[in-house]
């Protein structure tokens, strides 16, 4: 595990320390949990994107010819 140094405004740190104490945790744990969440979310999104592209590549769907225009789609009985 690596240590990092952060520069945080004194008033922010004071408020976060109170927040942590009220939840029986530490500022360090809050920061570590938040950074872990960011990393996991990023991995989850990348995995979902990869699986979607794999499904697109594997799809054999044939939507047929495009015989409409954008204007046709938005023509609502004018």
C-alpha atoms as a PDB file:
ATOM      1  CA  UNK A   1       0.000   0.000   0.000  1.00  0.00           C
ATOM      2  CA  UNK A   2       1.331   3.436  -0.961  1.00  0.00           C
ATOM      3  CA  UNK A   3       1.097   6.635   1.028  1.00  0.00           C
ATOM      4  CA  UNK A   4       0.117   9.894  -0.664  1.00  0.00           C
ATOM      5  CA  UNK A   5       0.191  13.502   0.467  1.00  0.00           C
ATOM      6  CA  UNK A   6      -2.808  15.764  -0.100  1.00  0.00           C
ATOM      7  CA  UNK A   7      -3.129  19.512   0.263  1.00  0.00           C
ATOM      8  CA  UNK A   8      -6.526  20.282   1.783  1.00  0.00           C
ATOM      9  CA  UNK A   9      -7.916  23.561   3.040  1.00  0.00           C
ATOM     10  CA  UNK A  10      -7.881  23.659   6.850  1.00  0.00           C
ATOM     11  CA  UNK A  11     -11.604  24.322   7.129  1.00  0.00           C
ATOM     12  CA  UNK A  12     -12.412  21.425   4.783  1.00  0.00           C
ATOM     13  CA  UNK A  13     -10.176  19.056   6.725  1.00  0.00           C
ATOM     14  CA  UNK A  14     -11.766  20.124   9.989  1.00  0.00           C
ATOM     15  CA  UNK A  15     -15.256  19.446   8.652  1.00  0.00           C
ATOM     16  CA  UNK A  16     -14.215  16.089   7.172  1.00  0.00           C
ATOM     17  CA  UNK A  17     -12.625  15.057  10.480  1.00  0.00           C
ATOM     18  CA  UNK A  18     -15.934  15.779  12.233  1.00  0.00           C
ATOM     19  CA  UNK A  19     -17.773  13.840   9.506  1.00  0.00           C
ATOM     20  CA  UNK A  20     -15.406  10.874   9.953  1.00  0.00           C
ATOM     21  CA  UNK A  21     -15.643  10.933  13.739  1.00  0.00           C
ATOM     22  CA  UNK A  22     -19.436  10.960  13.598  1.00  0.00           C
ATOM     23  CA  UNK A  23     -19.251   7.799  11.482  1.00  0.00           C
ATOM     24  CA  UNK A  24     -16.576   6.130  13.607  1.00  0.00           C
ATOM     25  CA  UNK A  25     -14.036   6.125  10.771  1.00  0.00           C
ATOM     26  CA  UNK A  26     -11.009   8.136   9.657  1.00  0.00           C
ATOM     27  CA  UNK A  27     -10.325  10.685   6.952  1.00  0.00           C
ATOM     28  CA  UNK A  28      -7.813   8.218   5.529  1.00  0.00           C
ATOM     29  CA  UNK A  29     -10.470   5.496   5.292  1.00  0.00           C
ATOM     30  CA  UNK A  30     -12.929   7.877   3.630  1.00  0.00           C
ATOM     31  CA  UNK A  31     -10.381   8.934   1.001  1.00  0.00           C
ATOM     32  CA  UNK A  32      -9.243   5.330   0.422  1.00  0.00           C
ATOM     33  CA  UNK A  33     -12.851   4.112   0.040  1.00  0.00           C
ATOM     34  CA  UNK A  34     -13.715   6.933  -2.339  1.00  0.00           C
ATOM     35  CA  UNK A  35     -10.669   6.318  -4.541  1.00  0.00           C
ATOM     36  CA  UNK A  36     -11.405   2.575  -4.545  1.00  0.00           C
ATOM     37  CA  UNK A  37     -14.981   3.303  -5.636  1.00  0.00           C
ATOM     38  CA  UNK A  38     -13.740   5.511  -8.500  1.00  0.00           C
ATOM     39  CA  UNK A  39     -11.324   2.817  -9.697  1.00  0.00           C
ATOM     40  CA  UNK A  40     -13.957   0.064  -9.496  1.00  0.00           C
ATOM     41  CA  UNK A  41     -16.550   2.182 -11.303  1.00  0.00           C
ATOM     42  CA  UNK A  42     -14.060   2.928 -14.060  1.00  0.00           C
ATOM     43  CA  UNK A  43     -13.325  -0.800 -14.429  1.00  0.00           C
ATOM     44  CA  UNK A  44     -17.049  -1.617 -14.454  1.00  0.00           C
ATOM     45  CA  UNK A  45     -17.754   0.918 -17.200  1.00  0.00           C
ATOM     46  CA  UNK A  46     -14.808  -0.302 -19.293  1.00  0.00           C
ATOM     47  CA  UNK A  47     -16.006  -3.896 -18.929  1.00  0.00           C
ATOM     48  CA  UNK A  48     -19.553  -2.999 -19.916  1.00  0.00           C
ATOM     49  CA  UNK A  49     -18.283  -1.099 -22.953  1.00  0.00           C
ATOM     50  CA  UNK A  50     -16.098  -4.078 -23.962  1.00  0.00           C
ATOM     51  CA  UNK A  51     -19.018  -6.538 -23.606  1.00  0.00           C
ATOM     52  CA  UNK A  52     -21.296  -4.257 -25.625  1.00  0.00           C
ATOM     53  CA  UNK A  53     -18.776  -4.065 -28.461  1.00  0.00           C
ATOM     54  CA  UNK A  54     -18.385  -7.865 -28.353  1.00  0.00           C
ATOM     55  CA  UNK A  55     -22.172  -8.248 -28.654  1.00  0.00           C
ATOM     56  CA  UNK A  56     -22.249  -5.828 -31.584  1.00  0.00           C
ATOM     57  CA  UNK A  57     -19.508  -7.785 -33.337  1.00  0.00           C
ATOM     58  CA  UNK A  58     -21.286 -11.110 -32.688  1.00  0.00           C
ATOM     59  CA  UNK A  59     -24.724  -9.855 -33.736  1.00  0.00           C
ATOM     60  CA  UNK A  60     -26.214 -11.242 -36.898  1.00  0.00           C
ATOM     61  CA  UNK A  61     -29.156  -8.873 -36.871  1.00  0.00           C
ATOM     62  CA  UNK A  62     -30.293  -7.645 -40.263  1.00  0.00           C
ATOM     63  CA  UNK A  63     -32.302  -4.486 -40.004  1.00  0.00           C
ATOM     64  CA  UNK A  64     -32.934  -4.363 -43.742  1.00  0.00           C
ATOM     65  CA  UNK A  65     -32.544  -1.376 -45.995  1.00  0.00           C
ATOM     66  CA  UNK A  66     -32.952   2.133 -44.681  1.00  0.00           C
ATOM     67  CA  UNK A  67     -35.781   3.530 -46.777  1.00  0.00           C
ATOM     68  CA  UNK A  68     -36.732   6.439 -44.567  1.00  0.00           C
ATOM     69  CA  UNK A  69     -35.286   9.845 -43.866  1.00  0.00           C
ATOM     70  CA  UNK A  70     -34.907  11.768 -40.678  1.00  0.00           C
ATOM     71  CA  UNK A  71     -37.699  14.044 -41.828  1.00  0.00           C
ATOM     72  CA  UNK A  72     -40.013  11.002 -42.225  1.00  0.00           C
ATOM     73  CA  UNK A  73     -39.392  10.074 -38.623  1.00  0.00           C
ATOM     74  CA  UNK A  74     -40.303  13.513 -37.353  1.00  0.00           C
ATOM     75  CA  UNK A  75     -43.279  14.079 -39.659  1.00  0.00           C
ATOM     76  CA  UNK A  76     -46.168  13.902 -37.220  1.00  0.00           C
ATOM     77  CA  UNK A  77     -49.094  14.497 -39.496  1.00  0.00           C
ATOM     78  CA  UNK A  78     -48.309  17.988 -40.626  1.00  0.00           C
END
